[in-house]
Amino acid sequence: MSTDALLRPAHPLRLCWWIFAVRGGLAAIFAIVLFLASSFLGIFFFDPVTLVYMSLLLGSFVLGNGLLLGVAAGFGLEHHLHFWWVQACEAGFAVLLGVYIGVSLVLTPQSLAFLAGIHGVGVGVFQVMLALKLRDDRSDLALLMFAGIVSLIVGILFLDHAHQAARATTQALSAFELFCGLIWGTLSLRLRSGTPSYT
């Protein structure tokens, strides 16, 4: 590798590869737990206790995601990454949504789908914003844009089908989070492998 290549600044998103790795791992774990909970706790029906459990589970995940994004935004600000404010905005959105879900506690089947839709649309909007902010750095960004567009579509579908059964909502949300986890995990591996070595 040439000296110029070694001295060339890394793609700014590559400094944040670990954020996508952690976020992808959390999403995959949440998807599995949510699927198992909906399969076993909702075998016959979703009673109020089950919906409280789902509320706490969803609220904790969204809140944890927001706190992780807050750390990412601080990291981006510290390293003068020009997209840090996008992560800060997404962190604020996720924290507020997570707190609201946790405070409301009892979800109805309709509000579960509604909140899943808000979550999906929020994820999609901020992923697309991040991809657009980095549009001059084209490497690996098609995957980010793809994830954002799919998240937007899924969020809109949740909002449009707010009256479907709670079990179907939780299983669809589980599939969506697994998709996000796989996309973010794949992106983190691609970003990490593309990080220049300075040794």
N, C-alpha and C. Protein backbone atom coordinates (compact mmCIF):
# COMPACT_ATOMS: atom_id res chain seq x y z
N MET A 1 0.84 -1.19 0.00
CA MET A 1 0.00 0.00 0.00
C MET A 1 0.88 1.24 0.00
N SER A 2 0.50 2.22 -0.80
CA SER A 2 1.31 3.42 -0.91
C SER A 2 1.19 4.29 0.33
N THR A 3 2.18 5.21 0.47
CA THR A 3 2.16 6.14 1.61
C THR A 3 0.93 7.03 1.53
N ASP A 4 0.56 7.47 0.31
CA ASP A 4 -0.61 8.32 0.15
C ASP A 4 -1.87 7.61 0.62
N ALA A 5 -1.96 6.32 0.32
CA ALA A 5 -3.14 5.56 0.75
C ALA A 5 -3.20 5.43 2.26
N LEU A 6 -2.03 5.29 2.87
CA LEU A 6 -1.99 5.17 4.32
C LEU A 6 -2.35 6.48 5.00
N LEU A 7 -1.97 7.60 4.38
CA LEU A 7 -2.23 8.89 4.99
C LEU A 7 -3.61 9.43 4.66
N ARG A 8 -4.29 8.83 3.67
CA ARG A 8 -5.60 9.31 3.27
C ARG A 8 -6.59 9.10 4.41
N PRO A 9 -7.43 10.09 4.73
CA PRO A 9 -8.40 9.94 5.82
C PRO A 9 -9.34 8.77 5.57
N ALA A 10 -9.67 8.08 6.62
CA ALA A 10 -10.61 6.97 6.48
C ALA A 10 -12.00 7.51 6.18
N HIS A 11 -12.81 6.68 5.51
CA HIS A 11 -14.21 7.01 5.31
C HIS A 11 -14.78 7.33 6.69
N PRO A 12 -15.46 8.47 6.87
CA PRO A 12 -15.91 8.87 8.21
C PRO A 12 -16.81 7.85 8.88
N LEU A 13 -17.60 7.12 8.10
CA LEU A 13 -18.48 6.13 8.69
C LEU A 13 -17.71 4.94 9.23
N ARG A 14 -16.52 4.70 8.69
CA ARG A 14 -15.72 3.55 9.15
C ARG A 14 -15.25 3.72 10.59
N LEU A 15 -15.14 4.96 11.05
CA LEU A 15 -14.78 5.18 12.45
C LEU A 15 -15.90 4.73 13.39
N CYS A 16 -17.10 4.58 12.84
CA CYS A 16 -18.27 4.23 13.64
C CYS A 16 -18.74 2.81 13.39
N TRP A 17 -17.88 1.95 12.84
CA TRP A 17 -18.31 0.60 12.51
C TRP A 17 -18.85 -0.14 13.73
N TRP A 18 -18.27 0.14 14.91
CA TRP A 18 -18.67 -0.57 16.13
C TRP A 18 -20.10 -0.21 16.56
N ILE A 19 -20.55 1.00 16.19
CA ILE A 19 -21.91 1.40 16.52
C ILE A 19 -22.91 0.49 15.81
N PHE A 20 -22.66 0.25 14.52
CA PHE A 20 -23.55 -0.61 13.75
C PHE A 20 -23.47 -2.05 14.24
N ALA A 21 -22.28 -2.48 14.70
CA ALA A 21 -22.13 -3.83 15.22
C ALA A 21 -22.97 -4.03 16.48
N VAL A 22 -22.85 -3.10 17.42
CA VAL A 22 -23.61 -3.20 18.67
C VAL A 22 -25.10 -3.07 18.41
N ARG A 23 -25.45 -2.10 17.55
CA ARG A 23 -26.86 -1.89 17.24
C ARG A 23 -27.46 -3.12 16.56
N GLY A 24 -26.71 -3.71 15.64
CA GLY A 24 -27.19 -4.91 14.97
C GLY A 24 -27.35 -6.07 15.93
N GLY A 25 -26.40 -6.23 16.85
CA GLY A 25 -26.50 -7.30 17.84
C GLY A 25 -27.70 -7.13 18.75
N LEU A 26 -27.94 -5.90 19.21
CA LEU A 26 -29.09 -5.63 20.08
C LEU A 26 -30.40 -5.90 19.34
N ALA A 27 -30.46 -5.48 18.07
CA ALA A 27 -31.68 -5.69 17.29
C ALA A 27 -31.95 -7.18 17.09
N ALA A 28 -30.91 -7.96 16.82
CA ALA A 28 -31.08 -9.40 16.63
C ALA A 28 -31.54 -10.08 17.91
N ILE A 29 -30.95 -9.70 19.04
CA ILE A 29 -31.36 -10.28 20.32
C ILE A 29 -32.81 -9.92 20.64
N PHE A 30 -33.15 -8.64 20.43
CA PHE A 30 -34.52 -8.19 20.67
C PHE A 30 -35.50 -8.95 19.79
N ALA A 31 -35.13 -9.17 18.53
CA ALA A 31 -36.01 -9.88 17.61
C ALA A 31 -36.29 -11.30 18.10
N ILE A 32 -35.25 -11.98 18.56
CA ILE A 32 -35.42 -13.36 19.03
C ILE A 32 -36.28 -13.41 20.29
N VAL A 33 -35.98 -12.50 21.24
CA VAL A 33 -36.76 -12.47 22.49
C VAL A 33 -38.22 -12.13 22.20
N LEU A 34 -38.44 -11.16 21.32
CA LEU A 34 -39.80 -10.76 20.99
C LEU A 34 -40.57 -11.90 20.31
N PHE A 35 -39.89 -12.61 19.42
CA PHE A 35 -40.55 -13.73 18.73
C PHE A 35 -40.92 -14.83 19.73
N LEU A 36 -39.99 -15.16 20.62
CA LEU A 36 -40.27 -16.21 21.61
C LEU A 36 -41.38 -15.78 22.56
N ALA A 37 -41.34 -14.49 22.97
CA ALA A 37 -42.38 -14.00 23.88
C ALA A 37 -43.75 -14.05 23.22
N SER A 38 -43.82 -13.62 21.96
CA SER A 38 -45.11 -13.62 21.27
C SER A 38 -45.59 -15.04 21.00
N SER A 39 -44.65 -15.96 20.81
CA SER A 39 -45.03 -17.35 20.52
C SER A 39 -45.52 -18.08 21.76
N PHE A 40 -44.85 -17.86 22.91
CA PHE A 40 -45.20 -18.60 24.11
C PHE A 40 -46.21 -17.88 24.99
N LEU A 41 -46.03 -16.56 25.16
CA LEU A 41 -46.97 -15.83 26.01
C LEU A 41 -48.30 -15.58 25.31
N GLY A 42 -48.26 -15.57 23.98
CA GLY A 42 -49.49 -15.27 23.25
C GLY A 42 -50.08 -16.47 22.54
N ILE A 43 -49.88 -17.66 23.11
CA ILE A 43 -50.39 -18.87 22.45
C ILE A 43 -51.91 -18.80 22.30
N PHE A 44 -52.59 -18.36 23.36
CA PHE A 44 -54.04 -18.33 23.30
C PHE A 44 -54.57 -16.92 23.04
N PHE A 45 -54.09 -15.96 23.77
CA PHE A 45 -54.52 -14.58 23.58
C PHE A 45 -53.52 -13.66 24.29
N PHE A 46 -53.56 -12.41 23.91
CA PHE A 46 -52.72 -11.41 24.55
C PHE A 46 -53.53 -10.72 25.64
N ASP A 47 -53.33 -11.15 26.89
CA ASP A 47 -54.05 -10.51 28.00
C ASP A 47 -53.30 -9.24 28.43
N PRO A 48 -53.85 -8.45 29.35
CA PRO A 48 -53.19 -7.21 29.78
C PRO A 48 -51.79 -7.41 30.32
N VAL A 49 -51.55 -8.53 31.04
CA VAL A 49 -50.22 -8.78 31.58
C VAL A 49 -49.21 -8.97 30.45
N THR A 50 -49.59 -9.70 29.42
CA THR A 50 -48.72 -9.92 28.27
C THR A 50 -48.40 -8.60 27.58
N LEU A 51 -49.41 -7.73 27.45
CA LEU A 51 -49.21 -6.44 26.80
C LEU A 51 -48.31 -5.53 27.63
N VAL A 52 -48.39 -5.62 28.95
CA VAL A 52 -47.46 -4.87 29.81
C VAL A 52 -46.04 -5.35 29.57
N TYR A 53 -45.87 -6.67 29.50
CA TYR A 53 -44.55 -7.24 29.23
C TYR A 53 -44.01 -6.76 27.89
N MET A 54 -44.86 -6.78 26.86
CA MET A 54 -44.45 -6.31 25.53
C MET A 54 -44.09 -4.83 25.57
N SER A 55 -44.86 -4.06 26.35
CA SER A 55 -44.58 -2.63 26.49
C SER A 55 -43.21 -2.39 27.08
N LEU A 56 -42.91 -3.09 28.18
CA LEU A 56 -41.60 -2.93 28.83
C LEU A 56 -40.47 -3.40 27.91
N LEU A 57 -40.71 -4.48 27.18
CA LEU A 57 -39.70 -5.01 26.27
C LEU A 57 -39.40 -4.03 25.15
N LEU A 58 -40.46 -3.53 24.50
CA LEU A 58 -40.28 -2.59 23.40
C LEU A 58 -39.68 -1.28 23.90
N GLY A 59 -40.19 -0.77 25.02
CA GLY A 59 -39.67 0.49 25.57
C GLY A 59 -38.21 0.39 25.95
N SER A 60 -37.82 -0.73 26.56
CA SER A 60 -36.42 -0.91 26.95
C SER A 60 -35.50 -0.96 25.74
N PHE A 61 -35.94 -1.66 24.70
CA PHE A 61 -35.13 -1.76 23.49
C PHE A 61 -34.95 -0.40 22.83
N VAL A 62 -36.06 0.33 22.66
CA VAL A 62 -36.00 1.64 22.01
C VAL A 62 -35.16 2.61 22.84
N LEU A 63 -35.33 2.59 24.16
CA LEU A 63 -34.55 3.47 25.03
C LEU A 63 -33.07 3.12 24.97
N GLY A 64 -32.75 1.82 25.02
CA GLY A 64 -31.35 1.40 24.92
C GLY A 64 -30.73 1.80 23.60
N ASN A 65 -31.51 1.69 22.54
CA ASN A 65 -31.04 2.10 21.23
C ASN A 65 -30.75 3.60 21.21
N GLY A 66 -31.62 4.37 21.86
CA GLY A 66 -31.42 5.81 21.93
C GLY A 66 -30.16 6.18 22.70
N LEU A 67 -29.92 5.49 23.81
CA LEU A 67 -28.71 5.77 24.59
C LEU A 67 -27.46 5.42 23.80
N LEU A 68 -27.51 4.30 23.07
CA LEU A 68 -26.37 3.92 22.23
C LEU A 68 -26.10 4.98 21.16
N LEU A 69 -27.17 5.49 20.56
CA LEU A 69 -27.01 6.52 19.54
C LEU A 69 -26.50 7.82 20.15
N GLY A 70 -26.87 8.07 21.41
CA GLY A 70 -26.32 9.25 22.09
C GLY A 70 -24.82 9.15 22.26
N VAL A 71 -24.35 7.95 22.62
CA VAL A 71 -22.90 7.71 22.71
C VAL A 71 -22.26 7.90 21.35
N ALA A 72 -22.91 7.39 20.31
CA ALA A 72 -22.39 7.52 18.94
C ALA A 72 -22.31 8.99 18.54
N ALA A 73 -23.32 9.77 18.90
CA ALA A 73 -23.31 11.19 18.56
C ALA A 73 -22.17 11.91 19.28
N GLY A 74 -21.96 11.56 20.55
CA GLY A 74 -20.84 12.15 21.29
C GLY A 74 -19.50 11.78 20.68
N PHE A 75 -19.38 10.53 20.25
CA PHE A 75 -18.17 10.08 19.59
C PHE A 75 -17.95 10.85 18.29
N GLY A 76 -19.04 11.03 17.53
CA GLY A 76 -18.94 11.76 16.27
C GLY A 76 -18.56 13.21 16.48
N LEU A 77 -19.13 13.84 17.51
CA LEU A 77 -18.79 15.23 17.80
C LEU A 77 -17.34 15.36 18.22
N GLU A 78 -16.88 14.42 19.05
CA GLU A 78 -15.49 14.45 19.52
C GLU A 78 -14.51 14.30 18.37
N HIS A 79 -14.86 13.50 17.38
CA HIS A 79 -13.97 13.26 16.24
C HIS A 79 -14.32 14.13 15.03
N HIS A 80 -15.17 15.14 15.26
CA HIS A 80 -15.51 16.12 14.22
C HIS A 80 -16.09 15.47 12.97
N LEU A 81 -16.95 14.45 13.17
CA LEU A 81 -17.63 13.82 12.05
C LEU A 81 -18.86 14.66 11.71
N HIS A 82 -19.02 14.99 10.44
CA HIS A 82 -20.03 15.96 10.05
C HIS A 82 -21.47 15.46 10.17
N PHE A 83 -21.66 14.17 10.46
CA PHE A 83 -23.02 13.64 10.56
C PHE A 83 -23.43 13.38 12.01
N TRP A 84 -22.67 13.89 12.98
CA TRP A 84 -22.96 13.59 14.39
C TRP A 84 -24.36 14.07 14.80
N TRP A 85 -24.80 15.19 14.22
CA TRP A 85 -26.09 15.75 14.61
C TRP A 85 -27.26 14.87 14.16
N VAL A 86 -27.06 14.10 13.08
CA VAL A 86 -28.11 13.16 12.65
C VAL A 86 -28.29 12.08 13.72
N GLN A 87 -27.18 11.56 14.22
CA GLN A 87 -27.24 10.55 15.28
C GLN A 87 -27.79 11.14 16.57
N ALA A 88 -27.46 12.41 16.85
CA ALA A 88 -27.99 13.06 18.05
C ALA A 88 -29.51 13.21 17.96
N CYS A 89 -30.00 13.60 16.78
CA CYS A 89 -31.45 13.73 16.60
C CYS A 89 -32.15 12.38 16.73
N GLU A 90 -31.55 11.34 16.14
CA GLU A 90 -32.15 10.02 16.25
C GLU A 90 -32.12 9.53 17.69
N ALA A 91 -31.05 9.84 18.40
CA ALA A 91 -30.95 9.47 19.82
C ALA A 91 -32.06 10.13 20.62
N GLY A 92 -32.27 11.43 20.40
CA GLY A 92 -33.32 12.14 21.11
C GLY A 92 -34.70 11.56 20.82
N PHE A 93 -34.95 11.25 19.54
CA PHE A 93 -36.22 10.66 19.14
C PHE A 93 -36.43 9.31 19.83
N ALA A 94 -35.40 8.47 19.81
CA ALA A 94 -35.51 7.12 20.39
C ALA A 94 -35.69 7.18 21.90
N VAL A 95 -34.97 8.07 22.57
CA VAL A 95 -35.10 8.18 24.03
C VAL A 95 -36.51 8.64 24.41
N LEU A 96 -37.01 9.66 23.71
CA LEU A 96 -38.37 10.15 23.99
C LEU A 96 -39.41 9.07 23.74
N LEU A 97 -39.27 8.34 22.64
CA LEU A 97 -40.23 7.27 22.33
C LEU A 97 -40.12 6.15 23.35
N GLY A 98 -38.90 5.77 23.73
CA GLY A 98 -38.72 4.72 24.72
C GLY A 98 -39.30 5.09 26.07
N VAL A 99 -39.09 6.33 26.50
CA VAL A 99 -39.65 6.79 27.78
C VAL A 99 -41.17 6.80 27.72
N TYR A 100 -41.71 7.27 26.59
CA TYR A 100 -43.18 7.30 26.45
C TYR A 100 -43.76 5.90 26.53
N ILE A 101 -43.15 4.94 25.84
CA ILE A 101 -43.64 3.56 25.88
C ILE A 101 -43.56 3.01 27.30
N GLY A 102 -42.44 3.29 27.98
CA GLY A 102 -42.29 2.79 29.34
C GLY A 102 -43.27 3.42 30.31
N VAL A 103 -43.54 4.70 30.14
CA VAL A 103 -44.47 5.40 31.04
C VAL A 103 -45.90 4.95 30.80
N SER A 104 -46.25 4.74 29.53
CA SER A 104 -47.63 4.34 29.22
C SER A 104 -47.94 2.94 29.74
N LEU A 105 -46.90 2.09 29.82
CA LEU A 105 -46.99 0.73 30.36
C LEU A 105 -47.96 -0.17 29.61
N VAL A 106 -49.24 0.04 29.75
CA VAL A 106 -50.19 -0.89 29.16
C VAL A 106 -50.46 -0.51 27.70
N LEU A 107 -50.15 -1.43 26.80
CA LEU A 107 -50.41 -1.22 25.38
C LEU A 107 -51.63 -2.02 24.96
N THR A 108 -52.43 -1.44 24.10
CA THR A 108 -53.48 -2.19 23.45
C THR A 108 -52.90 -2.77 22.17
N PRO A 109 -53.54 -3.75 21.56
CA PRO A 109 -53.04 -4.25 20.27
C PRO A 109 -52.87 -3.13 19.24
N GLN A 110 -53.80 -2.14 19.26
CA GLN A 110 -53.73 -1.04 18.31
C GLN A 110 -52.53 -0.13 18.59
N SER A 111 -52.31 0.20 19.85
CA SER A 111 -51.20 1.10 20.17
C SER A 111 -49.85 0.41 19.98
N LEU A 112 -49.81 -0.92 20.13
CA LEU A 112 -48.57 -1.65 19.89
C LEU A 112 -48.16 -1.51 18.42
N ALA A 113 -49.12 -1.69 17.51
CA ALA A 113 -48.83 -1.52 16.09
C ALA A 113 -48.49 -0.08 15.76
N PHE A 114 -49.19 0.87 16.39
CA PHE A 114 -48.94 2.29 16.15
C PHE A 114 -47.52 2.67 16.58
N LEU A 115 -47.12 2.24 17.77
CA LEU A 115 -45.78 2.57 18.26
C LEU A 115 -44.70 1.86 17.46
N ALA A 116 -44.97 0.62 17.03
CA ALA A 116 -44.03 -0.08 16.15
C ALA A 116 -43.89 0.68 14.84
N GLY A 117 -44.99 1.23 14.34
CA GLY A 117 -44.94 2.03 13.12
C GLY A 117 -44.14 3.30 13.29
N ILE A 118 -44.35 4.01 14.40
CA ILE A 118 -43.58 5.23 14.68
C ILE A 118 -42.10 4.89 14.78
N HIS A 119 -41.78 3.79 15.45
CA HIS A 119 -40.39 3.35 15.57
C HIS A 119 -39.80 3.05 14.20
N GLY A 120 -40.53 2.31 13.36
CA GLY A 120 -40.03 1.97 12.03
C GLY A 120 -39.82 3.18 11.16
N VAL A 121 -40.79 4.10 11.16
CA VAL A 121 -40.66 5.32 10.36
C VAL A 121 -39.49 6.16 10.85
N GLY A 122 -39.34 6.26 12.17
CA GLY A 122 -38.21 7.03 12.72
C GLY A 122 -36.88 6.45 12.31
N VAL A 123 -36.73 5.14 12.44
CA VAL A 123 -35.49 4.47 12.02
C VAL A 123 -35.23 4.74 10.55
N GLY A 124 -36.27 4.59 9.73
CA GLY A 124 -36.10 4.79 8.30
C GLY A 124 -35.70 6.20 7.94
N VAL A 125 -36.36 7.18 8.53
CA VAL A 125 -36.05 8.59 8.23
C VAL A 125 -34.61 8.92 8.56
N PHE A 126 -34.17 8.51 9.73
CA PHE A 126 -32.81 8.87 10.15
C PHE A 126 -31.74 8.08 9.39
N GLN A 127 -32.05 6.85 8.98
CA GLN A 127 -31.09 6.10 8.17
C GLN A 127 -30.94 6.74 6.79
N VAL A 128 -32.07 7.16 6.21
CA VAL A 128 -32.01 7.84 4.91
C VAL A 128 -31.27 9.17 5.05
N MET A 129 -31.53 9.90 6.14
CA MET A 129 -30.82 11.17 6.37
C MET A 129 -29.32 10.95 6.47
N LEU A 130 -28.93 9.90 7.18
CA LEU A 130 -27.51 9.60 7.33
C LEU A 130 -26.88 9.26 5.98
N ALA A 131 -27.60 8.46 5.19
CA ALA A 131 -27.09 8.10 3.87
C ALA A 131 -26.96 9.33 2.97
N LEU A 132 -27.94 10.23 3.02
CA LEU A 132 -27.88 11.45 2.22
C LEU A 132 -26.77 12.38 2.69
N LYS A 133 -26.57 12.42 4.00
CA LYS A 133 -25.50 13.26 4.54
C LYS A 133 -24.14 12.78 4.06
N LEU A 134 -24.03 11.47 3.81
CA LEU A 134 -22.77 10.89 3.38
C LEU A 134 -22.78 10.54 1.89
N ARG A 135 -23.62 11.24 1.13
CA ARG A 135 -23.79 10.88 -0.28
C ARG A 135 -22.52 11.04 -1.11
N ASP A 136 -21.59 11.87 -0.64
CA ASP A 136 -20.33 12.02 -1.37
C ASP A 136 -19.38 10.86 -1.12
N ASP A 137 -19.65 10.09 -0.05
CA ASP A 137 -18.83 8.93 0.28
C ASP A 137 -19.62 7.69 -0.09
N ARG A 138 -19.53 7.30 -1.34
CA ARG A 138 -20.48 6.33 -1.89
C ARG A 138 -20.24 4.90 -1.43
N SER A 139 -19.05 4.60 -0.96
CA SER A 139 -18.74 3.22 -0.60
C SER A 139 -19.60 2.74 0.56
N ASP A 140 -20.25 1.60 0.38
CA ASP A 140 -21.04 0.92 1.41
C ASP A 140 -22.33 1.63 1.80
N LEU A 141 -22.69 2.73 1.13
CA LEU A 141 -23.86 3.48 1.57
C LEU A 141 -25.15 2.98 0.94
N ALA A 142 -25.06 2.18 -0.14
CA ALA A 142 -26.28 1.63 -0.74
C ALA A 142 -27.02 0.77 0.28
N LEU A 143 -26.27 0.03 1.10
CA LEU A 143 -26.87 -0.83 2.11
C LEU A 143 -27.61 0.01 3.15
N LEU A 144 -27.02 1.13 3.54
CA LEU A 144 -27.63 2.02 4.52
C LEU A 144 -28.92 2.63 3.97
N MET A 145 -28.88 3.07 2.73
CA MET A 145 -30.07 3.64 2.10
C MET A 145 -31.17 2.58 1.94
N PHE A 146 -30.77 1.37 1.56
CA PHE A 146 -31.73 0.26 1.42
C PHE A 146 -32.43 -0.01 2.75
N ALA A 147 -31.65 -0.07 3.84
CA ALA A 147 -32.23 -0.32 5.16
C ALA A 147 -33.20 0.79 5.55
N GLY A 148 -32.83 2.03 5.23
CA GLY A 148 -33.71 3.15 5.56
C GLY A 148 -35.02 3.10 4.82
N ILE A 149 -34.98 2.80 3.53
CA ILE A 149 -36.20 2.75 2.72
C ILE A 149 -37.10 1.60 3.17
N VAL A 150 -36.51 0.44 3.43
CA VAL A 150 -37.31 -0.70 3.92
C VAL A 150 -37.94 -0.37 5.26
N SER A 151 -37.19 0.29 6.15
CA SER A 151 -37.72 0.67 7.46
C SER A 151 -38.90 1.62 7.32
N LEU A 152 -38.79 2.57 6.41
CA LEU A 152 -39.90 3.50 6.15
C LEU A 152 -41.15 2.75 5.69
N ILE A 153 -40.96 1.84 4.75
CA ILE A 153 -42.10 1.08 4.21
C ILE A 153 -42.74 0.24 5.31
N VAL A 154 -41.90 -0.45 6.10
CA VAL A 154 -42.42 -1.30 7.18
C VAL A 154 -43.16 -0.45 8.21
N GLY A 155 -42.58 0.71 8.57
CA GLY A 155 -43.24 1.58 9.53
C GLY A 155 -44.60 2.04 9.05
N ILE A 156 -44.69 2.40 7.78
CA ILE A 156 -45.97 2.83 7.21
C ILE A 156 -46.98 1.69 7.20
N LEU A 157 -46.51 0.48 6.90
CA LEU A 157 -47.40 -0.68 6.91
C LEU A 157 -47.93 -0.96 8.32
N PHE A 158 -47.07 -0.82 9.34
CA PHE A 158 -47.53 -0.97 10.72
C PHE A 158 -48.63 0.04 11.03
N LEU A 159 -48.40 1.29 10.65
CA LEU A 159 -49.38 2.34 10.92
C LEU A 159 -50.69 2.07 10.17
N ASP A 160 -50.59 1.52 8.97
CA ASP A 160 -51.77 1.27 8.15
C ASP A 160 -52.54 0.04 8.63
N HIS A 161 -51.87 -0.85 9.37
CA HIS A 161 -52.52 -2.07 9.86
C HIS A 161 -52.56 -2.07 11.39
N ALA A 162 -52.97 -0.95 11.94
CA ALA A 162 -52.95 -0.80 13.41
C ALA A 162 -53.99 -1.69 14.09
N HIS A 163 -54.93 -2.23 13.35
CA HIS A 163 -55.99 -3.03 13.97
C HIS A 163 -55.75 -4.53 13.85
N GLN A 164 -54.57 -4.92 13.39
CA GLN A 164 -54.30 -6.35 13.30
C GLN A 164 -54.03 -6.93 14.69
N ALA A 165 -54.08 -8.23 14.81
CA ALA A 165 -53.91 -8.89 16.10
C ALA A 165 -52.52 -8.62 16.67
N ALA A 166 -52.45 -8.57 18.01
CA ALA A 166 -51.20 -8.24 18.68
C ALA A 166 -50.11 -9.26 18.38
N ARG A 167 -50.50 -10.52 18.28
CA ARG A 167 -49.49 -11.56 18.01
C ARG A 167 -48.87 -11.36 16.63
N ALA A 168 -49.70 -11.05 15.63
CA ALA A 168 -49.18 -10.79 14.29
C ALA A 168 -48.27 -9.57 14.28
N THR A 169 -48.64 -8.55 15.07
CA THR A 169 -47.82 -7.33 15.14
C THR A 169 -46.45 -7.63 15.74
N THR A 170 -46.43 -8.38 16.84
CA THR A 170 -45.15 -8.66 17.50
C THR A 170 -44.26 -9.54 16.63
N GLN A 171 -44.85 -10.48 15.91
CA GLN A 171 -44.03 -11.33 15.06
C GLN A 171 -43.51 -10.58 13.84
N ALA A 172 -44.33 -9.67 13.30
CA ALA A 172 -43.87 -8.82 12.20
C ALA A 172 -42.77 -7.88 12.68
N LEU A 173 -42.93 -7.34 13.90
CA LEU A 173 -41.90 -6.47 14.46
C LEU A 173 -40.61 -7.24 14.70
N SER A 174 -40.74 -8.50 15.14
CA SER A 174 -39.58 -9.35 15.34
C SER A 174 -38.83 -9.56 14.03
N ALA A 175 -39.56 -9.83 12.96
CA ALA A 175 -38.92 -10.02 11.65
C ALA A 175 -38.24 -8.74 11.18
N PHE A 176 -38.89 -7.60 11.41
CA PHE A 176 -38.30 -6.32 11.02
C PHE A 176 -37.00 -6.05 11.77
N GLU A 177 -37.00 -6.29 13.07
CA GLU A 177 -35.79 -6.05 13.87
C GLU A 177 -34.67 -7.01 13.50
N LEU A 178 -35.04 -8.25 13.15
CA LEU A 178 -34.01 -9.20 12.71
C LEU A 178 -33.40 -8.72 11.40
N PHE A 179 -34.23 -8.22 10.49
CA PHE A 179 -33.74 -7.65 9.23
C PHE A 179 -32.76 -6.50 9.52
N CYS A 180 -33.16 -5.58 10.41
CA CYS A 180 -32.28 -4.45 10.75
C CYS A 180 -30.97 -4.95 11.36
N GLY A 181 -31.08 -5.93 12.25
CA GLY A 181 -29.87 -6.46 12.87
C GLY A 181 -28.91 -7.05 11.86
N LEU A 182 -29.45 -7.80 10.89
CA LEU A 182 -28.59 -8.40 9.87
C LEU A 182 -27.97 -7.33 8.96
N ILE A 183 -28.76 -6.32 8.60
CA ILE A 183 -28.23 -5.24 7.75
C ILE A 183 -27.13 -4.49 8.47
N TRP A 184 -27.38 -4.10 9.73
CA TRP A 184 -26.38 -3.33 10.48
C TRP A 184 -25.14 -4.17 10.77
N GLY A 185 -25.34 -5.45 11.05
CA GLY A 185 -24.19 -6.32 11.27
C GLY A 185 -23.35 -6.46 10.02
N THR A 186 -24.01 -6.64 8.88
CA THR A 186 -23.29 -6.74 7.60
C THR A 186 -22.54 -5.45 7.30
N LEU A 187 -23.21 -4.31 7.52
CA LEU A 187 -22.57 -3.02 7.27
C LEU A 187 -21.36 -2.81 8.17
N SER A 188 -21.48 -3.22 9.44
CA SER A 188 -20.35 -3.05 10.36
C SER A 188 -19.14 -3.87 9.91
N LEU A 189 -19.38 -5.09 9.43
CA LEU A 189 -18.28 -5.93 8.95
C LEU A 189 -17.63 -5.33 7.71
N ARG A 190 -18.44 -4.79 6.81
CA ARG A 190 -17.90 -4.18 5.60
C ARG A 190 -17.10 -2.91 5.94
N LEU A 191 -17.63 -2.13 6.87
CA LEU A 191 -16.92 -0.91 7.26
C LEU A 191 -15.61 -1.25 7.97
N ARG A 192 -15.66 -2.23 8.86
CA ARG A 192 -14.45 -2.61 9.61
C ARG A 192 -13.38 -3.17 8.69
N SER A 193 -13.78 -4.00 7.74
CA SER A 193 -12.80 -4.58 6.83
C SER A 193 -12.21 -3.53 5.89
N GLY A 194 -12.95 -2.42 5.70
CA GLY A 194 -12.46 -1.37 4.83
C GLY A 194 -11.66 -0.31 5.54
N THR A 195 -11.51 -0.43 6.86
CA THR A 195 -10.72 0.55 7.60
C THR A 195 -9.25 0.39 7.31
N PRO A 196 -8.57 1.45 6.89
CA PRO A 196 -7.15 1.33 6.56
C PRO A 196 -6.31 0.93 7.77
N SER A 197 -5.29 0.17 7.55
CA SER A 197 -4.34 -0.21 8.61
C SER A 197 -3.18 0.77 8.64
N TYR A 198 -2.83 1.24 9.80
CA TYR A 198 -1.73 2.21 9.94
C TYR A 198 -0.50 1.58 10.56
N THR A 199 -0.52 0.26 10.66
CA THR A 199 0.64 -0.40 11.24
C THR A 199 1.60 -0.87 10.17
